[in-house]
C-alpha atoms as a PDB file:
ATOM      1  CA  MET A   1    -112.712  19.097-168.098  1.00  0.00           C
ATOM      2  CA  PHE A   2    -111.995  22.555-169.580  1.00  0.00           C
ATOM      3  CA  LEU A   3    -108.721  21.297-171.045  1.00  0.00           C
ATOM      4  CA  GLN A   4    -110.413  18.435-172.873  1.00  0.00           C
ATOM      5  CA  VAL A   5    -112.706  20.781-174.832  1.00  0.00           C
ATOM      6  CA  PRO A   6    -110.067  22.623-176.964  1.00  0.00           C
ATOM      7  CA  VAL A   7    -108.132  19.382-177.483  1.00  0.00           C
ATOM      8  CA  PHE A   8    -111.332  17.688-178.667  1.00  0.00           C
ATOM      9  CA  PHE A   9    -111.812  20.349-181.363  1.00  0.00           C
ATOM     10  CA  TYR A  10    -108.201  20.064-182.526  1.00  0.00           C
ATOM     11  CA  ASN A  11    -108.276  16.249-182.688  1.00  0.00           C
ATOM     12  CA  LYS A  12    -111.566  16.248-184.628  1.00  0.00           C
ATOM     13  CA  ILE A  13    -110.006  18.434-187.318  1.00  0.00           C
ATOM     14  CA  GLU A  14    -106.558  16.862-187.423  1.00  0.00           C
ATOM     15  CA  ASN A  15    -107.643  13.198-187.438  1.00  0.00           C
ATOM     16  CA  SER A  16    -110.663  13.362-189.745  1.00  0.00           C
ATOM     17  CA  PRO A  17    -110.072  10.969-192.707  1.00  0.00           C
ATOM     18  CA  LEU A  18    -112.877  12.585-194.724  1.00  0.00           C
ATOM     19  CA  LEU A  19    -111.183  15.989-195.059  1.00  0.00           C
ATOM     20  CA  SER A  20    -108.211  16.959-197.233  1.00  0.00           C
ATOM     21  CA  SER A  21    -105.301  18.819-195.663  1.00  0.00           C
ATOM     22  CA  THR A  22    -106.381  22.075-197.323  1.00  0.00           C
ATOM     23  CA  VAL A  23    -109.963  21.762-196.079  1.00  0.00           C
ATOM     24  CA  LYS A  24    -108.644  21.006-192.583  1.00  0.00           C
ATOM     25  CA  ALA A  25    -106.534  24.175-192.735  1.00  0.00           C
ATOM     26  CA  HIS A  26    -109.511  26.329-193.745  1.00  0.00           C
ATOM     27  CA  LEU A  27    -111.706  24.767-191.066  1.00  0.00           C
ATOM     28  CA  ALA A  28    -108.991  25.452-188.488  1.00  0.00           C
ATOM     29  CA  LEU A  29    -108.704  29.087-189.620  1.00  0.00           C
ATOM     30  CA  PHE A  30    -112.471  29.546-189.488  1.00  0.00           C
ATOM     31  CA  LEU A  31    -112.485  28.235-185.908  1.00  0.00           C
ATOM     32  CA  VAL A  32    -109.654  30.657-185.038  1.00  0.00           C
ATOM     33  CA  ALA A  33    -111.686  33.556-186.443  1.00  0.00           C
ATOM     34  CA  LEU A  34    -114.735  32.332-184.488  1.00  0.00           C
ATOM     35  CA  ILE A  35    -112.695  32.091-181.268  1.00  0.00           C
ATOM     36  CA  TYR A  36    -111.319  35.615-181.693  1.00  0.00           C
ATOM     37  CA  GLY A  37    -114.745  36.900-182.718  1.00  0.00           C
ATOM     38  CA  ALA A  38    -116.244  35.665-179.447  1.00  0.00           C
ATOM     39  CA  ASN A  39    -113.184  36.865-177.553  1.00  0.00           C
ATOM     40  CA  TYR A  40    -114.100  40.531-178.174  1.00  0.00           C
ATOM     41  CA  SER A  41    -117.184  40.121-176.003  1.00  0.00           C
ATOM     42  CA  ILE A  42    -115.758  37.658-173.471  1.00  0.00           C
ATOM     43  CA  ALA A  43    -112.373  39.279-172.728  1.00  0.00           C
ATOM     44  CA  LYS A  44    -114.130  42.644-172.479  1.00  0.00           C
ATOM     45  CA  ILE A  45    -115.880  41.372-169.332  1.00  0.00           C
ATOM     46  CA  VAL A  46    -112.517  40.892-167.587  1.00  0.00           C
ATOM     47  CA  LEU A  47    -110.745  44.027-168.799  1.00  0.00           C
ATOM     48  CA  ASP A  48    -113.621  46.538-168.667  1.00  0.00           C
ATOM     49  CA  ASP A  49    -114.324  45.904-164.994  1.00  0.00           C
ATOM     50  CA  GLU A  50    -110.563  45.979-164.285  1.00  0.00           C
ATOM     51  CA  TYR A  51    -110.479  42.653-162.480  1.00  0.00           C
ATOM     52  CA  ILE A  52    -107.096  42.000-164.090  1.00  0.00           C
ATOM     53  CA  GLN A  53    -104.922  44.741-165.584  1.00  0.00           C
ATOM     54  CA  PRO A  54    -103.731  44.314-169.217  1.00  0.00           C
ATOM     55  CA  LEU A  55    -100.021  43.603-168.567  1.00  0.00           C
ATOM     56  CA  PRO A  56    -100.637  41.011-165.821  1.00  0.00           C
ATOM     57  CA  PHE A  57    -103.279  39.466-168.088  1.00  0.00           C
ATOM     58  CA  ILE A  58    -100.663  39.136-170.853  1.00  0.00           C
ATOM     59  CA  VAL A  59     -98.289  37.386-168.435  1.00  0.00           C
ATOM     60  CA  LEU A  60    -101.119  35.074-167.361  1.00  0.00           C
ATOM     61  CA  ARG A  61    -101.840  34.194-170.999  1.00  0.00           C
ATOM     62  CA  ALA A  62     -98.157  33.605-171.740  1.00  0.00           C
ATOM     63  CA  VAL A  63     -97.507  31.381-168.724  1.00  0.00           C
ATOM     64  CA  SER A  64    -100.697  29.361-169.253  1.00  0.00           C
ATOM     65  CA  GLY A  65     -99.879  28.875-172.932  1.00  0.00           C
ATOM     66  CA  MET A  66     -96.330  27.828-172.071  1.00  0.00           C
ATOM     67  CA  LEU A  67     -97.430  25.301-169.429  1.00  0.00           C
ATOM     68  CA  LEU A  68    -100.209  23.808-171.575  1.00  0.00           C
ATOM     69  CA  PHE A  69     -98.016  23.382-174.645  1.00  0.00           C
ATOM     70  CA  TRP A  70     -95.173  21.904-172.551  1.00  0.00           C
ATOM     71  CA  LEU A  71     -97.621  19.452-170.958  1.00  0.00           C
ATOM     72  CA  PHE A  72     -99.041  18.251-174.272  1.00  0.00           C
ATOM     73  CA  HIS A  73     -95.587  18.097-175.833  1.00  0.00           C
ATOM     74  CA  LEU A  74     -94.280  15.889-173.038  1.00  0.00           C
ATOM     75  CA  LEU A  75     -97.324  13.608-173.170  1.00  0.00           C
ATOM     76  CA  PHE A  76     -97.872  13.191-176.910  1.00  0.00           C
ATOM     77  CA  ILE A  77     -95.134  14.668-179.129  1.00  0.00           C
ATOM     78  CA  LYS A  78     -91.666  14.394-177.537  1.00  0.00           C
ATOM     79  CA  GLU A  79     -90.019  16.037-180.545  1.00  0.00           C
ATOM     80  CA  ARG A  80     -86.752  17.961-180.247  1.00  0.00           C
ATOM     81  CA  LEU A  81     -86.036  21.323-181.832  1.00  0.00           C
ATOM     82  CA  ALA A  82     -82.743  21.624-183.718  1.00  0.00           C
ATOM     83  CA  ARG A  83     -80.267  24.097-182.227  1.00  0.00           C
ATOM     84  CA  LYS A  84     -80.032  26.027-185.517  1.00  0.00           C
ATOM     85  CA  ASP A  85     -83.746  26.927-185.309  1.00  0.00           C
ATOM     86  CA  PHE A  86     -83.708  28.493-181.844  1.00  0.00           C
ATOM     87  CA  GLY A  87     -82.814  31.926-183.211  1.00  0.00           C
ATOM     88  CA  ARG A  88     -85.939  32.033-185.363  1.00  0.00           C
ATOM     89  CA  VAL A  89     -88.071  30.629-182.521  1.00  0.00           C
ATOM     90  CA  ILE A  90     -86.862  33.368-180.155  1.00  0.00           C
ATOM     91  CA  LEU A  91     -87.692  35.989-182.790  1.00  0.00           C
ATOM     92  CA  CYS A  92     -91.157  34.452-183.263  1.00  0.00           C
ATOM     93  CA  GLY A  93     -91.668  34.496-179.485  1.00  0.00           C
ATOM     94  CA  ALA A  94     -90.906  38.222-179.457  1.00  0.00           C
ATOM     95  CA  LEU A  95     -93.110  39.005-182.472  1.00  0.00           C
ATOM     96  CA  GLY A  96     -95.983  36.592-181.858  1.00  0.00           C
ATOM     97  CA  VAL A  97     -96.356  36.895-178.077  1.00  0.00           C
ATOM     98  CA  ALA A  98     -94.366  39.689-176.387  1.00  0.00           C
ATOM     99  CA  ILE A  99     -94.525  42.598-178.873  1.00  0.00           C
ATOM    100  CA  ASN A 100     -97.849  41.577-180.401  1.00  0.00           C
ATOM    101  CA  GLN A 101     -99.859  41.372-177.182  1.00  0.00           C
ATOM    102  CA  THR A 102     -98.082  44.144-175.234  1.00  0.00           C
ATOM    103  CA  PHE A 103     -98.497  46.789-177.931  1.00  0.00           C
ATOM    104  CA  PHE A 104    -102.083  45.752-178.641  1.00  0.00           C
ATOM    105  CA  PHE A 105    -103.279  46.260-175.069  1.00  0.00           C
ATOM    106  CA  SER A 106    -101.102  49.364-174.613  1.00  0.00           C
ATOM    107  CA  GLY A 107    -102.450  50.819-177.849  1.00  0.00           C
ATOM    108  CA  LEU A 108    -106.053  50.267-176.814  1.00  0.00           C
ATOM    109  CA  LYS A 109    -105.365  52.402-173.742  1.00  0.00           C
ATOM    110  CA  TRP A 110    -104.726  55.456-175.938  1.00  0.00           C
ATOM    111  CA  THR A 111    -106.877  54.893-179.016  1.00  0.00           C
ATOM    112  CA  THR A 112    -110.445  53.834-179.761  1.00  0.00           C
ATOM    113  CA  PRO A 113    -111.591  50.285-180.610  1.00  0.00           C
ATOM    114  CA  ILE A 114    -112.767  51.489-184.052  1.00  0.00           C
ATOM    115  CA  SER A 115    -109.374  52.994-184.913  1.00  0.00           C
ATOM    116  CA  ALA A 116    -107.590  49.875-183.651  1.00  0.00           C
ATOM    117  CA  SER A 117    -109.829  47.606-185.740  1.00  0.00           C
ATOM    118  CA  LEU A 118    -109.203  49.695-188.852  1.00  0.00           C
ATOM    119  CA  ILE A 119    -105.435  49.558-188.406  1.00  0.00           C
ATOM    120  CA  MET A 120    -105.593  45.783-187.908  1.00  0.00           C
ATOM    121  CA  THR A 121    -107.071  45.445-191.413  1.00  0.00           C
ATOM    122  CA  MET A 122    -103.555  46.254-192.655  1.00  0.00           C
ATOM    123  CA  THR A 123    -102.260  42.894-191.355  1.00  0.00           C
ATOM    124  CA  PRO A 124    -103.096  40.809-194.483  1.00  0.00           C
ATOM    125  CA  ILE A 125    -101.461  43.473-196.666  1.00  0.00           C
ATOM    126  CA  LEU A 126     -98.316  43.379-194.530  1.00  0.00           C
ATOM    127  CA  VAL A 127     -98.327  39.562-194.637  1.00  0.00           C
ATOM    128  CA  LEU A 128     -98.652  39.605-198.430  1.00  0.00           C
ATOM    129  CA  ILE A 129     -95.662  41.948-198.749  1.00  0.00           C
ATOM    130  CA  GLY A 130     -93.625  40.036-196.167  1.00  0.00           C
ATOM    131  CA  SER A 131     -94.395  36.695-197.813  1.00  0.00           C
ATOM    132  CA  ALA A 132     -93.195  38.028-201.157  1.00  0.00           C
ATOM    133  CA  PHE A 133     -89.857  39.261-199.796  1.00  0.00           C
ATOM    134  CA  ILE A 134     -89.122  36.561-197.194  1.00  0.00           C
ATOM    135  CA  LEU A 135     -90.869  33.426-198.508  1.00  0.00           C
ATOM    136  CA  GLY A 136     -90.859  34.229-202.214  1.00  0.00           C
ATOM    137  CA  GLU A 137     -94.642  33.879-202.544  1.00  0.00           C
ATOM    138  CA  LYS A 138     -95.992  35.501-205.694  1.00  0.00           C
ATOM    139  CA  ILE A 139     -98.178  38.600-205.494  1.00  0.00           C
ATOM    140  CA  ASN A 140    -100.825  38.321-208.208  1.00  0.00           C
ATOM    141  CA  LEU A 141    -103.911  40.331-209.093  1.00  0.00           C
ATOM    142  CA  ARG A 142    -106.217  37.673-207.608  1.00  0.00           C
ATOM    143  CA  LYS A 143    -104.649  37.985-204.136  1.00  0.00           C
ATOM    144  CA  ILE A 144    -104.575  41.782-204.323  1.00  0.00           C
ATOM    145  CA  ALA A 145    -108.248  41.861-205.351  1.00  0.00           C
ATOM    146  CA  GLY A 146    -109.156  39.443-202.543  1.00  0.00           C
ATOM    147  CA  ILE A 147    -107.396  41.515-199.887  1.00  0.00           C
ATOM    148  CA  ILE A 148    -109.004  44.744-201.185  1.00  0.00           C
ATOM    149  CA  LEU A 149    -112.480  43.189-201.141  1.00  0.00           C
ATOM    150  CA  GLY A 150    -111.972  41.666-197.695  1.00  0.00           C
ATOM    151  CA  ALA A 151    -110.614  44.932-196.299  1.00  0.00           C
ATOM    152  CA  THR A 152    -113.517  46.868-197.817  1.00  0.00           C
ATOM    153  CA  GLY A 153    -116.030  44.533-196.180  1.00  0.00           C
ATOM    154  CA  ALA A 154    -114.273  44.677-192.803  1.00  0.00           C
ATOM    155  CA  ILE A 155    -113.911  48.488-192.869  1.00  0.00           C
ATOM    156  CA  LEU A 156    -117.569  48.899-193.889  1.00  0.00           C
ATOM    157  CA  LEU A 157    -118.657  46.614-191.064  1.00  0.00           C
ATOM    158  CA  ILE A 158    -116.465  48.373-188.485  1.00  0.00           C
ATOM    159  CA  THR A 159    -117.241  51.995-189.371  1.00  0.00           C
ATOM    160  CA  TYR A 160    -120.875  52.028-190.522  1.00  0.00           C
ATOM    161  CA  GLY A 161    -123.047  54.018-188.131  1.00  0.00           C
ATOM    162  CA  LYS A 162    -120.117  54.838-185.852  1.00  0.00           C
ATOM    163  CA  SER A 163    -118.227  58.105-185.507  1.00  0.00           C
ATOM    164  CA  LEU A 164    -114.440  58.304-185.460  1.00  0.00           C
ATOM    165  CA  GLN A 165    -113.293  60.273-182.416  1.00  0.00           C
ATOM    166  CA  PHE A 166    -109.844  61.758-181.964  1.00  0.00           C
ATOM    167  CA  HIS A 167    -108.007  62.899-178.851  1.00  0.00           C
ATOM    168  CA  ALA A 168    -104.536  64.147-178.040  1.00  0.00           C
ATOM    169  CA  ASN A 169    -102.872  60.786-177.319  1.00  0.00           C
ATOM    170  CA  GLN A 170    -104.596  58.813-180.078  1.00  0.00           C
ATOM    171  CA  LEU A 171    -101.625  59.127-182.441  1.00  0.00           C
ATOM    172  CA  LEU A 172     -99.462  57.230-179.934  1.00  0.00           C
ATOM    173  CA  GLY A 173    -102.151  54.569-179.511  1.00  0.00           C
ATOM    174  CA  ASN A 174    -102.520  54.163-183.266  1.00  0.00           C
ATOM    175  CA  LEU A 175     -98.749  53.792-183.591  1.00  0.00           C
ATOM    176  CA  PHE A 176     -98.776  51.025-180.955  1.00  0.00           C
ATOM    177  CA  ILE A 177    -101.579  49.176-182.787  1.00  0.00           C
ATOM    178  CA  LEU A 178     -99.635  49.493-186.051  1.00  0.00           C
ATOM    179  CA  ILE A 179     -96.573  47.977-184.340  1.00  0.00           C
ATOM    180  CA  ASN A 180     -98.817  45.166-183.085  1.00  0.00           C
ATOM    181  CA  ALA A 181    -100.201  44.505-186.580  1.00  0.00           C
ATOM    182  CA  THR A 182     -96.716  44.564-188.105  1.00  0.00           C
ATOM    183  CA  SER A 183     -95.266  42.215-185.495  1.00  0.00           C
ATOM    184  CA  TYR A 184     -98.109  39.730-185.951  1.00  0.00           C
ATOM    185  CA  ALA A 185     -97.709  39.849-189.744  1.00  0.00           C
ATOM    186  CA  LEU A 186     -93.968  39.158-189.477  1.00  0.00           C
ATOM    187  CA  TYR A 187     -94.683  36.348-186.998  1.00  0.00           C
ATOM    188  CA  ILE A 188     -97.033  34.614-189.464  1.00  0.00           C
ATOM    189  CA  VAL A 189     -94.438  34.883-192.243  1.00  0.00           C
ATOM    190  CA  LEU A 190     -91.406  33.787-190.198  1.00  0.00           C
ATOM    191  CA  VAL A 191     -93.042  30.906-188.328  1.00  0.00           C
ATOM    192  CA  LYS A 192     -94.268  29.189-191.491  1.00  0.00           C
ATOM    193  CA  SER A 193     -90.920  27.542-192.298  1.00  0.00           C
ATOM    194  CA  LEU A 194     -90.821  26.070-188.774  1.00  0.00           C
ATOM    195  CA  MET A 195     -94.317  24.610-189.170  1.00  0.00           C
ATOM    196  CA  ARG A 196     -93.181  22.721-192.263  1.00  0.00           C
ATOM    197  CA  ARG A 197     -90.460  20.894-190.318  1.00  0.00           C
ATOM    198  CA  TYR A 198     -91.946  20.365-186.844  1.00  0.00           C
ATOM    199  CA  HIS A 199     -95.225  19.518-185.162  1.00  0.00           C
ATOM    200  CA  PRO A 200     -97.173  22.718-184.306  1.00  0.00           C
ATOM    201  CA  ILE A 201     -97.071  21.955-180.565  1.00  0.00           C
ATOM    202  CA  THR A 202     -93.267  21.709-180.663  1.00  0.00           C
ATOM    203  CA  VAL A 203     -92.941  25.136-182.252  1.00  0.00           C
ATOM    204  CA  VAL A 204     -95.592  26.973-180.246  1.00  0.00           C
ATOM    205  CA  LYS A 205     -94.265  25.482-176.997  1.00  0.00           C
ATOM    206  CA  TRP A 206     -90.952  27.252-177.482  1.00  0.00           C
ATOM    207  CA  ILE A 207     -92.579  30.418-178.829  1.00  0.00           C
ATOM    208  CA  PHE A 208     -94.624  30.772-175.642  1.00  0.00           C
ATOM    209  CA  THR A 209     -91.627  29.902-173.483  1.00  0.00           C
ATOM    210  CA  PHE A 210     -89.516  32.742-174.858  1.00  0.00           C
ATOM    211  CA  GLY A 211     -92.521  35.053-175.085  1.00  0.00           C
ATOM    212  CA  PHE A 212     -93.275  34.449-171.407  1.00  0.00           C
ATOM    213  CA  LEU A 213     -89.688  35.264-170.397  1.00  0.00           C
ATOM    214  CA  MET A 214     -89.938  38.543-172.324  1.00  0.00           C
ATOM    215  CA  VAL A 215     -93.227  39.769-170.809  1.00  0.00           C
ATOM    216  CA  LEU A 216     -92.602  38.511-167.248  1.00  0.00           C
ATOM    217  CA  PRO A 217     -90.608  41.582-166.076  1.00  0.00           C
ATOM    218  CA  PHE A 218     -93.391  43.955-167.156  1.00  0.00           C
ATOM    219  CA  GLY A 219     -96.445  42.276-165.628  1.00  0.00           C
ATOM    220  CA  SER A 220     -95.283  40.028-162.788  1.00  0.00           C
ATOM    221  CA  SER A 221     -95.788  42.654-160.046  1.00  0.00           C
ATOM    222  CA  GLY A 222     -99.331  43.363-161.249  1.00  0.00           C
ATOM    223  CA  LEU A 223    -100.078  39.644-161.334  1.00  0.00           C
ATOM    224  CA  VAL A 224     -99.092  39.313-157.679  1.00  0.00           C
ATOM    225  CA  ALA A 225    -101.082  42.421-156.719  1.00  0.00           C
ATOM    226  CA  THR A 226    -104.305  41.165-158.382  1.00  0.00           C
ATOM    227  CA  ASP A 227    -107.111  40.438-155.922  1.00  0.00           C
ATOM    228  CA  TRP A 228    -108.032  36.946-157.112  1.00  0.00           C
ATOM    229  CA  THR A 229    -110.728  36.562-154.442  1.00  0.00           C
ATOM    230  CA  ALA A 230    -112.712  39.388-156.088  1.00  0.00           C
ATOM    231  CA  LEU A 231    -113.206  37.377-159.291  1.00  0.00           C
ATOM    232  CA  THR A 232    -116.795  36.181-159.688  1.00  0.00           C
ATOM    233  CA  PRO A 233    -117.681  32.791-161.259  1.00  0.00           C
ATOM    234  CA  MET A 234    -118.565  34.617-164.518  1.00  0.00           C
ATOM    235  CA  ILE A 235    -115.133  36.269-164.587  1.00  0.00           C
ATOM    236  CA  TRP A 236    -113.399  32.929-163.971  1.00  0.00           C
ATOM    237  CA  VAL A 237    -115.298  31.420-166.931  1.00  0.00           C
ATOM    238  CA  ALA A 238    -114.236  34.363-169.113  1.00  0.00           C
ATOM    239  CA  VAL A 239    -110.603  33.979-168.001  1.00  0.00           C
ATOM    240  CA  ALA A 240    -110.727  30.232-168.679  1.00  0.00           C
ATOM    241  CA  TYR A 241    -112.054  30.902-172.195  1.00  0.00           C
ATOM    242  CA  VAL A 242    -109.237  33.356-172.953  1.00  0.00           C
ATOM    243  CA  LEU A 243    -106.549  31.006-171.623  1.00  0.00           C
ATOM    244  CA  LEU A 244    -107.794  27.743-173.156  1.00  0.00           C
ATOM    245  CA  PHE A 245    -109.399  28.874-176.403  1.00  0.00           C
ATOM    246  CA  THR A 246    -107.981  32.296-177.373  1.00  0.00           C
ATOM    247  CA  THR A 247    -104.475  31.433-176.198  1.00  0.00           C
ATOM    248  CA  PHE A 248    -104.014  27.652-176.448  1.00  0.00           C
ATOM    249  CA  LEU A 249    -106.383  26.436-179.168  1.00  0.00           C
ATOM    250  CA  ALA A 250    -106.219  29.515-181.446  1.00  0.00           C
ATOM    251  CA  TYR A 251    -102.413  29.514-181.569  1.00  0.00           C
ATOM    252  CA  LEU A 252    -102.376  25.746-182.124  1.00  0.00           C
ATOM    253  CA  LEU A 253    -104.912  25.839-184.981  1.00  0.00           C
ATOM    254  CA  ASN A 254    -103.201  28.832-186.600  1.00  0.00           C
ATOM    255  CA  ALA A 255     -99.867  27.011-186.455  1.00  0.00           C
ATOM    256  CA  ALA A 256    -101.352  23.819-187.907  1.00  0.00           C
ATOM    257  CA  ALA A 257    -102.947  25.760-190.772  1.00  0.00           C
ATOM    258  CA  LEU A 258     -99.643  27.489-191.596  1.00  0.00           C
ATOM    259  CA  ALA A 259     -98.138  24.078-192.357  1.00  0.00           C
ATOM    260  CA  LYS A 260    -100.783  23.517-195.077  1.00  0.00           C
ATOM    261  CA  VAL A 261    -101.550  26.890-196.715  1.00  0.00           C
ATOM    262  CA  ASN A 262     -99.784  30.148-197.577  1.00  0.00           C
ATOM    263  CA  ALA A 263     -99.281  32.857-194.967  1.00  0.00           C
ATOM    264  CA  SER A 264    -101.509  35.236-196.955  1.00  0.00           C
ATOM    265  CA  VAL A 265    -104.394  32.743-196.663  1.00  0.00           C
ATOM    266  CA  VAL A 266    -103.969  32.609-192.881  1.00  0.00           C
ATOM    267  CA  SER A 267    -103.955  36.407-192.599  1.00  0.00           C
ATOM    268  CA  ILE A 268    -107.062  37.002-194.760  1.00  0.00           C
ATOM    269  CA  TYR A 269    -109.174  35.212-192.141  1.00  0.00           C
ATOM    270  CA  ILE A 270    -108.573  38.203-189.855  1.00  0.00           C
ATOM    271  CA  TYR A 271    -111.323  39.936-191.832  1.00  0.00           C
ATOM    272  CA  LEU A 272    -113.802  37.313-190.609  1.00  0.00           C
ATOM    273  CA  GLN A 273    -113.277  38.273-186.963  1.00  0.00           C
ATOM    274  CA  PRO A 274    -115.414  41.468-186.874  1.00  0.00           C
ATOM    275  CA  LEU A 275    -118.072  39.710-188.963  1.00  0.00           C
ATOM    276  CA  LEU A 276    -118.272  36.721-186.615  1.00  0.00           C
ATOM    277  CA  ALA A 277    -118.133  39.040-183.596  1.00  0.00           C
ATOM    278  CA  GLY A 278    -121.162  40.852-185.026  1.00  0.00           C
ATOM    279  CA  LEU A 279    -123.023  37.593-185.666  1.00  0.00           C
ATOM    280  CA  ILE A 280    -122.340  36.476-182.099  1.00  0.00           C
ATOM    281  CA  ALA A 281    -123.683  39.819-180.860  1.00  0.00           C
ATOM    282  CA  VAL A 282    -126.801  39.232-183.005  1.00  0.00           C
ATOM    283  CA  THR A 283    -127.410  35.824-181.412  1.00  0.00           C
ATOM    284  CA  TRP A 284    -127.074  37.446-177.989  1.00  0.00           C
ATOM    285  CA  GLY A 285    -129.659  40.063-178.961  1.00  0.00           C
ATOM    286  CA  LYS A 286    -127.204  42.974-178.859  1.00  0.00           C
ATOM    287  CA  GLU A 287    -127.310  43.726-182.611  1.00  0.00           C
ATOM    288  CA  ILE A 288    -129.592  43.144-185.587  1.00  0.00           C
ATOM    289  CA  VAL A 289    -128.926  41.846-189.096  1.00  0.00           C
ATOM    290  CA  ASP A 290    -129.101  44.630-191.716  1.00  0.00           C
ATOM    291  CA  TRP A 291    -128.060  45.097-195.339  1.00  0.00           C
ATOM    292  CA  ILE A 292    -124.647  46.506-194.319  1.00  0.00           C
ATOM    293  CA  LYS A 293    -123.771  43.268-192.508  1.00  0.00           C
ATOM    294  CA  ILE A 294    -124.968  41.203-195.466  1.00  0.00           C
ATOM    295  CA  ILE A 295    -122.922  43.211-198.002  1.00  0.00           C
ATOM    296  CA  SER A 296    -119.889  43.161-195.704  1.00  0.00           C
ATOM    297  CA  ALA A 297    -120.197  39.386-195.344  1.00  0.00           C
ATOM    298  CA  LEU A 298    -120.337  38.915-199.125  1.00  0.00           C
ATOM    299  CA  LEU A 299    -117.270  41.111-199.634  1.00  0.00           C
ATOM    300  CA  ILE A 300    -115.282  39.346-196.886  1.00  0.00           C
ATOM    301  CA  PHE A 301    -116.128  35.814-198.039  1.00  0.00           C
ATOM    302  CA  THR A 302    -115.382  36.751-201.656  1.00  0.00           C
ATOM    303  CA  GLY A 303    -112.022  38.146-200.555  1.00  0.00           C
ATOM    304  CA  VAL A 304    -111.204  34.986-198.615  1.00  0.00           C
ATOM    305  CA  TYR A 305    -112.132  32.868-201.635  1.00  0.00           C
ATOM    306  CA  LEU A 306    -109.949  34.868-204.043  1.00  0.00           C
ATOM    307  CA  VAL A 307    -106.889  34.755-201.777  1.00  0.00           C
ATOM    308  CA  SER A 308    -107.214  31.052-200.999  1.00  0.00           C
ATOM    309  CA  SER A 309    -108.435  29.641-204.311  1.00  0.00           C
ATOM    310  CA  GLY A 310    -106.251  28.249-207.094  1.00  0.00           C
ATOM    311  CA  LYS A 311    -105.235  30.086-210.259  1.00  0.00           C
ATOM    312  CA  LYS A 312    -108.352  28.857-212.058  1.00  0.00           C
END
């Protein structure tokens, strides 16, 4: 039942005859931003109450992603990966799963959510630079202006009305978050060439396989020590959301979009995540709509448009 829901969303986008490939890519990226936006509130339920520790949770995400992508690959795709591409896939597994997730959760232990969110706004900039050097994508004034506008909107949304607090170990936490942002940016750039040649499920299957093998030694003992009987029905629903939507569907949609649009377009949608997270909080009655959110939304959507639109 739960497994059919994310697959339903993916099939609706991929098989729609009324949408162009570019529109499908943007719709997929918007859904990814929406999934991650909701994930801030949902995953917080699991981690804040310490039902599952961060490193075991990473292993759980990696193994569930690996098993789900292997299952769907065996049932529907049955495509083989060329031996020459395994080196890049292993590197993408390290950058996109192992380093990315481990340093993010470890960084949050030492720094504040506001500082982490601000550092993550550097990701589209890093992707733009990486795409220029590795993929040969052109850096033009339109893309630079779009990233600046999007970053301004995201930073305004994150920091307005909140105070930045510093403590002794925050420098280490900020460094870990920066490593996380850099690894994710390099992952987006490096995986794009694989998405052009293979089905997204084929690529992500192997990325999660190698990523799982890399994180297993660090979180396996904590996974065994977790008291699974203490998890309430609400916690199980939150865990299921993280595993099926944030892990399986988000990675699949991101990979599918990378086959259609530039890496810089994929990365600019990161700026939508705090905006959508705020809108979700508004619908739940935890926040209100004010002029700061409206201005931030205009800046972010304008930035997304400038990065993704044509030269005209």
